[in-house]
Amino acid sequence: MTEQHQFTAILAKGSAVPTLLCGHCRSILSRSRIFRNKGNQHQDMECKTIGLCSADDCGAVNCCDEALAGVDNPEHLFSIAS
């Protein structure tokens, strides 16, 4: 079994559409793989929103709370299709 590490997602600067990047490999986190972590239902971590990296050989779990704090309307991010 592999050990899973938590990373902190990064808000891409200068993007017209709010874009989160993986804190491990800097790949774009797909909106379809960003989840609310209500009651720690997805991951056992102190994080309200998580993003799972889908890049080959990465698969990192990212806490998106800090990155979403830089978005004017974080709720809008969830309404945009990937």
Protein backbone atom coordinates (compact mmCIF):
# COMPACT_ATOMS: atom_id res chain seq x y z
CA MET A 1 0.00 0.00 0.00
CA THR A 2 1.35 3.42 -0.89
CA GLU A 3 1.49 6.25 1.59
CA GLN A 4 -0.67 9.23 0.63
CA HIS A 5 0.58 12.77 1.22
CA GLN A 6 -1.47 15.92 1.42
CA PHE A 7 -0.47 18.95 -0.62
CA THR A 8 -1.81 22.50 -0.82
CA ALA A 9 -3.40 23.52 -4.13
CA ILE A 10 -2.23 26.70 -5.81
CA LEU A 11 -4.40 29.33 -7.53
CA ALA A 12 -3.03 29.94 -11.04
CA LYS A 13 -2.18 33.60 -11.51
CA GLY A 14 -3.48 35.52 -14.51
CA SER A 15 -6.16 32.99 -15.50
CA ALA A 16 -9.43 34.38 -16.87
CA VAL A 17 -11.23 31.49 -15.18
CA PRO A 18 -10.20 30.52 -11.62
CA THR A 19 -7.84 27.56 -12.04
CA LEU A 20 -6.36 25.45 -9.28
CA LEU A 21 -3.03 23.68 -9.68
CA CYS A 22 -1.76 20.59 -7.89
CA GLY A 23 0.63 21.52 -5.09
CA HIS A 24 2.79 18.51 -5.97
CA CYS A 25 3.15 18.43 -9.77
CA ARG A 26 1.53 21.79 -10.74
CA SER A 27 -0.98 20.10 -13.10
CA ILE A 28 -4.44 21.65 -13.45
CA LEU A 29 -6.95 20.19 -11.00
CA SER A 30 -10.09 19.30 -12.91
CA ARG A 31 -13.25 20.80 -11.43
CA SER A 32 -14.83 17.37 -11.65
CA ARG A 33 -12.24 16.14 -9.12
CA ILE A 34 -12.69 18.96 -6.59
CA PHE A 35 -14.97 17.98 -3.73
CA ARG A 36 -16.39 19.44 -0.55
CA ASN A 37 -15.09 17.50 2.42
CA LYS A 38 -18.12 17.90 4.66
CA GLY A 39 -17.65 15.90 7.81
CA ASN A 40 -14.43 14.47 6.38
CA GLN A 41 -16.50 12.19 4.13
CA HIS A 42 -13.92 12.03 1.30
CA GLN A 43 -10.62 12.24 3.12
CA ASP A 44 -9.71 12.13 6.78
CA MET A 45 -8.13 15.58 6.87
CA GLU A 46 -8.83 19.03 8.26
CA CYS A 47 -9.81 20.60 4.96
CA LYS A 48 -13.16 21.91 3.68
CA THR A 49 -12.42 21.38 -0.03
CA ILE A 50 -10.12 18.79 -1.58
CA GLY A 51 -8.83 18.33 -5.11
CA LEU A 52 -7.58 15.03 -6.45
CA CYS A 53 -4.85 15.28 -9.07
CA SER A 54 -5.49 13.13 -12.12
CA ALA A 55 -2.04 13.59 -13.69
CA ASP A 56 -0.15 10.40 -14.56
CA ASP A 57 2.15 9.29 -11.73
CA CYS A 58 0.79 11.91 -9.31
CA GLY A 59 -2.64 11.27 -7.78
CA ALA A 60 -1.93 13.73 -4.95
CA VAL A 61 -4.64 14.84 -2.54
CA ASN A 62 -4.72 18.64 -2.38
CA CYS A 63 -6.30 20.88 0.21
CA CYS A 64 -7.92 23.71 -1.79
CA ASP A 65 -9.03 25.97 1.08
CA GLU A 66 -6.12 28.40 0.86
CA ALA A 67 -6.28 28.64 -2.95
CA LEU A 68 -10.05 29.18 -2.93
CA ALA A 69 -9.59 32.05 -0.46
CA GLY A 70 -8.01 33.97 -3.36
CA VAL A 71 -11.08 33.54 -5.59
CA ASP A 72 -13.66 36.36 -5.49
CA ASN A 73 -16.59 33.92 -5.58
CA PRO A 74 -15.46 30.37 -4.75
CA GLU A 75 -19.02 29.08 -5.20
CA HIS A 76 -18.77 30.13 -8.86
CA LEU A 77 -15.86 27.72 -9.33
CA PHE A 78 -18.17 24.79 -8.62
CA SER A 79 -20.75 25.99 -11.12
CA ILE A 80 -18.29 26.11 -14.05
CA ALA A 81 -18.14 22.93 -16.12
CA SER A 82 -14.72 21.33 -16.59
